[in-house]
Each structure stands twice: as structure tokens, then as C-alpha cells.
Amino acid sequence: MASHDSLIHLHCGDASALVHRRSGLPGSLRICRDSPAVGPWVAEASQLPALRAGWWGVPGDEGSLRPVLSDLGGTAEPVLWFGPDPWEQACLLWVLAELPEGTLSDLVPLDCSVAQTAPAALPGLFIGRVLLEEETLTQARSLWAGFLERGWGALAGCGIPALPWLARALARLAEDHPVEGPGRTRMQIRGLLDQGVHDLPALMAGLRKLEDPRHGAWYGDRFVAKVVESMEARLG
């Protein structure tokens, strides 16, 4: 086991990082702020930061994974804290596929996002972390290559035994990327708009009820606002 100085905790989002900072766990903290669960994607890594930044309307390096992962490996011991929802699971797949070759990482089994967890519970969860074998990393790289080549719609029915929530997340992401027509999330948003629900908080409340109760509307209000804006622009 690596020393406390080499522990690097990877979290998905600032809300989870805030909880972690109150947990008293040793080690440094890094935050993944983007996820391939929504929005445009491109296989060419050099084009990705600008593409994602333009879509989100943020500085070019804000969502990049490179500075988060570039110096891992060696004596560093990355500890992965990713919840069961499709956003965090898609981000986890991205992280595993992009880890430097030979990096050994630990996965903390979670039944919900760290953002929904009491800080005092994190040390106990940390003790239960499991080492991810090279076979798991190989499988993750293969699935990631499949996503880059064919999109989420091609990964329905796929999964990795060591990642218990991934298959469910991939199935949900595939529903948003059917061969033809709008995906599930867009149809759900359209349905609420047609019912006269236009206020963003009310939209999020309605969408939360249509998703898995373990996590609710996993795509976040910024994404929903973008979808509504694009729908209104087409109608206009």
C-alpha cells in the first residue's frame, strides 16, 4: 500500500470534492469536471478540450482530463470515487481508459454519489476500496474505444464485472443515442415542456421523478438548459 503522501483521490464534480474535504482523509484531491455522458465528442484527443469548452461555454482547459491524470503512475496511488449514475460512470470509464500505462488504481465501491454522502462515512468507504486489476483496465480501454468509434448507442448490453454500475449506466446512455429519432432525455424534456413546465427548477424536479431514484436527473441543470434553448431556437 502506498504512503499517505502518494494518495490521490479522484472525484467527479466539485460537490463531491467539497464533501471529501470535510472527511479528514489523507492525500491530495483532484476533480474531474466533465463527462462524456452528454454533449459532442471526438476521438482526436488534441481537439477535445476546445470542442468541449466551446459546447459548455467555459475556458478551454476547465474540463480537460490531461492535467488530472498526466503525472499518475509510479508511486502514486489514485483512488477513484465515482457514483452509480450515468454521468459519473461515463467519467469513470474515461478515466480508466486514459490512466497512464501500468498505473494501479483503487476503486471505492459506492451506492450513491459522494455528493450525497455524509463526510463522516467516507473513511469507512475508503477502507473498503478494491484494487483494479489490469484485466479491468484492458476491458475499460476496449469499451472506451467502442464509444469513440460507434457512440454510446453501440454499448447497450456491455459492462465490466469489476465495475458493478457500469452496465446499467451504459444501457441508460444508449437510450439517449438511438439509431433514429430523439433520445430518452430529450423526449422527457419535451414532454414536460408540452405540459407547460418551463421553469428550470420545476423541469429538474419533473425529470428527477423520471430517473432512477438513486440519483435522479444525473445530467444536471446546465445540460437541461442547453437542450431547452436548442428546442426553443428550432421552434423560433
Protein backbone atom coordinates (compact mmCIF):
# COMPACT_ATOMS: atom_id res chain seq x y z
CA MET A 1 0.00 0.00 0.00
CA ALA A 2 1.31 3.45 -0.91
CA SER A 3 2.03 6.12 1.69
CA HIS A 4 -0.46 8.85 2.52
CA ASP A 5 1.67 11.34 0.58
CA SER A 6 1.12 9.39 -2.64
CA LEU A 7 -2.65 9.02 -2.25
CA ILE A 8 -4.51 10.94 -4.94
CA HIS A 9 -8.30 10.97 -4.67
CA LEU A 10 -10.19 11.45 -7.95
CA HIS A 11 -13.74 12.79 -7.69
CA CYS A 12 -16.42 13.60 -10.24
CA GLY A 13 -17.50 17.19 -9.67
CA ASP A 14 -16.96 19.97 -7.16
CA ALA A 15 -19.89 18.95 -4.94
CA SER A 16 -18.27 15.58 -4.25
CA ALA A 17 -14.90 17.24 -3.68
CA LEU A 18 -16.49 19.53 -1.08
CA VAL A 19 -17.75 16.52 0.87
CA HIS A 20 -14.36 14.84 0.64
CA ARG A 21 -12.55 17.88 2.05
CA ARG A 22 -14.65 17.57 5.20
CA SER A 23 -13.93 13.86 5.64
CA GLY A 24 -10.47 14.11 7.19
CA LEU A 25 -8.99 11.55 4.78
CA PRO A 26 -5.27 11.96 3.97
CA GLY A 27 -3.97 12.54 0.46
CA SER A 28 -4.45 15.10 -2.27
CA LEU A 29 -7.63 15.73 -4.23
CA ARG A 30 -8.29 16.07 -7.95
CA ILE A 31 -11.58 16.84 -9.66
CA CYS A 32 -13.00 15.63 -12.99
CA ARG A 33 -15.42 18.34 -14.07
CA ASP A 34 -16.64 16.96 -17.38
CA SER A 35 -18.20 13.72 -18.53
CA PRO A 36 -18.70 12.16 -21.96
CA ALA A 37 -22.23 11.24 -20.85
CA VAL A 38 -23.57 14.35 -22.61
CA GLY A 39 -22.53 16.61 -25.44
CA PRO A 40 -20.29 16.28 -28.50
CA TRP A 41 -17.21 14.11 -28.61
CA VAL A 42 -14.26 13.48 -30.92
CA ALA A 43 -11.68 10.71 -30.92
CA GLU A 44 -8.75 13.04 -31.58
CA ALA A 45 -7.53 13.99 -28.10
CA SER A 46 -5.93 17.26 -29.21
CA GLN A 47 -9.29 18.57 -30.50
CA LEU A 48 -11.32 17.55 -27.47
CA PRO A 49 -10.61 20.38 -24.97
CA ALA A 50 -11.63 23.12 -27.43
CA LEU A 51 -14.70 21.18 -28.57
CA ARG A 52 -15.95 20.59 -25.05
CA ALA A 53 -15.11 24.09 -23.83
CA GLY A 54 -16.99 25.63 -26.75
CA TRP A 55 -20.03 23.49 -26.11
CA TRP A 56 -20.09 24.24 -22.37
CA GLY A 57 -19.03 27.86 -22.80
CA VAL A 58 -16.10 27.59 -20.36
CA PRO A 59 -12.31 28.21 -20.54
CA GLY A 60 -10.53 25.72 -22.76
CA ASP A 61 -8.76 23.74 -20.05
CA GLU A 62 -11.56 23.61 -17.46
CA GLY A 63 -12.88 20.18 -18.40
CA SER A 64 -9.66 18.63 -19.66
CA LEU A 65 -8.63 15.34 -18.11
CA ARG A 66 -4.96 15.64 -19.06
CA PRO A 67 -3.73 17.67 -16.06
CA VAL A 68 -5.76 15.42 -13.76
CA LEU A 69 -4.10 12.20 -14.94
CA SER A 70 -0.83 13.13 -16.63
CA ASP A 71 1.53 12.55 -13.69
CA LEU A 72 -0.12 9.43 -12.27
CA GLY A 73 1.73 6.15 -12.25
CA GLY A 74 4.92 5.25 -10.42
CA THR A 75 4.42 5.54 -6.67
CA ALA A 76 1.13 7.48 -6.96
CA GLU A 77 -1.94 5.61 -5.80
CA PRO A 78 -5.06 7.05 -7.45
CA VAL A 79 -8.25 6.32 -5.55
CA LEU A 80 -11.38 6.54 -7.69
CA TRP A 81 -14.61 7.84 -6.15
CA PHE A 82 -17.37 7.55 -8.76
CA GLY A 83 -21.06 7.03 -8.04
CA PRO A 84 -23.61 4.87 -9.92
CA ASP A 85 -25.24 7.49 -12.15
CA PRO A 86 -24.51 7.59 -15.90
CA TRP A 87 -22.61 10.90 -15.67
CA GLU A 88 -20.13 9.57 -13.11
CA GLN A 89 -19.85 6.11 -14.66
CA ALA A 90 -19.10 7.56 -18.11
CA CYS A 91 -16.46 9.75 -16.50
CA LEU A 92 -15.02 6.71 -14.68
CA LEU A 93 -14.73 4.84 -17.98
CA TRP A 94 -12.91 7.83 -19.48
CA VAL A 95 -10.52 7.98 -16.53
CA LEU A 96 -9.73 4.27 -16.63
CA ALA A 97 -9.09 4.39 -20.37
CA GLU A 98 -6.76 7.39 -20.04
CA LEU A 99 -4.75 6.30 -16.99
CA PRO A 100 -1.03 6.07 -17.82
CA GLU A 101 0.04 2.54 -18.71
CA GLY A 102 0.90 0.49 -15.65
CA THR A 103 -0.98 2.68 -13.17
CA LEU A 104 -2.54 0.70 -10.34
CA SER A 105 -5.70 2.32 -9.01
CA ASP A 106 -8.20 1.62 -6.26
CA LEU A 107 -11.96 1.83 -6.71
CA VAL A 108 -14.16 2.82 -3.76
CA PRO A 109 -17.48 0.92 -4.02
CA LEU A 110 -20.31 3.46 -3.82
CA ASP A 111 -24.09 3.08 -3.79
CA CYS A 112 -24.59 6.81 -4.39
CA SER A 113 -22.53 9.83 -5.35
CA VAL A 114 -20.08 11.20 -2.81
CA ALA A 115 -22.05 14.46 -3.11
CA GLN A 116 -24.98 12.62 -1.49
CA THR A 117 -22.85 11.05 1.25
CA ALA A 118 -22.07 12.28 4.76
CA PRO A 119 -18.38 13.26 5.12
CA ALA A 120 -18.05 11.03 8.20
CA ALA A 121 -18.92 7.99 6.08
CA LEU A 122 -16.02 8.42 3.67
CA PRO A 123 -13.23 6.92 5.84
CA GLY A 124 -15.21 3.68 6.19
CA LEU A 125 -15.86 3.58 2.46
CA PHE A 126 -12.19 4.25 1.82
CA ILE A 127 -11.20 1.22 3.90
CA GLY A 128 -13.36 -0.95 1.61
CA ARG A 129 -11.61 0.16 -1.59
CA VAL A 130 -10.53 -2.56 -4.04
CA LEU A 131 -7.54 -2.73 -6.36
CA LEU A 132 -8.48 -2.75 -10.04
CA GLU A 133 -6.64 -5.46 -11.93
CA GLU A 134 -5.00 -4.91 -15.31
CA GLU A 135 -7.76 -7.00 -16.91
CA THR A 136 -10.31 -4.40 -15.78
CA LEU A 137 -8.24 -1.59 -17.29
CA THR A 138 -7.94 -3.52 -20.56
CA GLN A 139 -11.71 -4.01 -20.66
CA ALA A 140 -12.26 -0.31 -19.95
CA ARG A 141 -9.93 0.71 -22.78
CA SER A 142 -11.82 -1.62 -25.13
CA LEU A 143 -15.21 -0.16 -24.20
CA TRP A 144 -13.84 3.36 -24.49
CA ALA A 145 -12.54 2.58 -27.98
CA GLY A 146 -16.01 1.28 -28.84
CA PHE A 147 -17.58 4.53 -27.64
CA LEU A 148 -15.14 6.63 -29.66
CA GLU A 149 -15.80 4.56 -32.77
CA ARG A 150 -19.54 3.95 -32.57
CA GLY A 151 -21.00 6.09 -29.76
CA TRP A 152 -22.95 5.17 -26.63
CA GLY A 153 -25.74 3.58 -28.61
CA ALA A 154 -23.48 0.68 -29.54
CA LEU A 155 -22.63 -0.18 -25.91
CA ALA A 156 -26.06 -1.25 -24.65
CA GLY A 157 -25.67 -4.64 -23.01
CA CYS A 158 -21.97 -4.11 -22.30
CA GLY A 159 -20.32 -3.93 -18.90
CA ILE A 160 -17.30 -4.85 -16.80
CA PRO A 161 -17.66 -7.29 -13.87
CA ALA A 162 -15.41 -5.25 -11.55
CA LEU A 163 -17.48 -2.08 -12.15
CA PRO A 164 -20.94 -3.00 -10.82
CA TRP A 165 -22.79 0.11 -12.01
CA LEU A 166 -21.31 0.44 -15.49
CA ALA A 167 -23.67 -1.86 -17.40
CA ARG A 168 -26.74 -0.03 -16.06
CA ALA A 169 -25.18 3.33 -16.93
CA LEU A 170 -24.26 2.25 -20.45
CA ALA A 171 -27.81 0.99 -21.03
CA ARG A 172 -29.20 4.37 -19.94
CA LEU A 173 -26.73 6.28 -22.12
CA ALA A 174 -27.69 4.11 -25.09
CA GLU A 175 -31.31 5.22 -24.61
CA ASP A 176 -30.17 8.79 -25.25
CA HIS A 177 -28.50 7.76 -28.52
CA PRO A 178 -30.94 5.67 -30.54
CA VAL A 179 -30.31 4.86 -34.20
CA GLU A 180 -33.14 7.20 -35.19
CA GLY A 181 -35.09 9.97 -33.52
CA PRO A 182 -34.56 11.87 -30.27
CA GLY A 183 -33.21 10.10 -27.21
CA ARG A 184 -34.99 9.46 -23.94
CA THR A 185 -33.81 12.58 -22.10
CA ARG A 186 -34.83 14.93 -24.89
CA MET A 187 -38.22 13.24 -25.13
CA GLN A 188 -38.70 13.60 -21.37
CA ILE A 189 -37.81 17.30 -21.52
CA ARG A 190 -40.11 17.81 -24.49
CA GLY A 191 -42.94 16.08 -22.66
CA LEU A 192 -42.61 18.36 -19.64
CA LEU A 193 -42.42 21.46 -21.83
CA ASP A 194 -45.61 20.37 -23.60
CA GLN A 195 -47.25 20.11 -20.18
CA GLY A 196 -46.41 23.76 -19.55
CA VAL A 197 -43.40 23.16 -17.30
CA HIS A 198 -40.86 25.80 -18.36
CA ASP A 199 -39.21 26.98 -15.16
CA LEU A 200 -35.80 25.26 -14.86
CA PRO A 201 -36.18 24.17 -11.19
CA ALA A 202 -39.61 22.73 -11.98
CA LEU A 203 -38.21 20.98 -15.03
CA MET A 204 -35.45 19.43 -12.94
CA ALA A 205 -37.98 18.31 -10.33
CA GLY A 206 -40.09 16.66 -13.01
CA LEU A 207 -37.10 15.00 -14.65
CA ARG A 208 -35.84 13.72 -11.30
CA LYS A 209 -39.02 11.68 -10.93
CA LEU A 210 -38.44 10.04 -14.32
CA GLU A 211 -34.96 8.77 -13.50
CA ASP A 212 -33.54 6.14 -11.16
CA PRO A 213 -34.28 7.29 -7.58
CA ARG A 214 -30.69 6.52 -6.59
CA HIS A 215 -29.52 9.61 -8.46
CA GLY A 216 -32.35 11.43 -10.21
CA ALA A 217 -31.62 13.80 -13.08
CA TRP A 218 -27.96 12.87 -13.47
CA TYR A 219 -27.25 15.22 -16.42
CA GLY A 220 -27.61 18.45 -14.42
CA ASP A 221 -29.43 21.73 -14.97
CA ARG A 222 -26.81 23.24 -17.30
CA PHE A 223 -27.39 20.45 -19.79
CA VAL A 224 -31.17 20.71 -19.50
CA ALA A 225 -30.99 24.47 -20.05
CA LYS A 226 -28.94 23.87 -23.21
CA VAL A 227 -31.47 21.34 -24.50
CA VAL A 228 -34.39 23.70 -23.83
CA GLU A 229 -32.55 26.53 -25.56
CA SER A 230 -31.91 24.40 -28.65
CA MET A 231 -35.57 23.28 -28.77
CA GLU A 232 -36.84 26.84 -28.48
CA ALA A 233 -34.40 28.03 -31.15
CA ARG A 234 -35.72 25.41 -33.59
CA LEU A 235 -39.30 26.41 -32.87
CA GLY A 236 -38.42 30.08 -33.23
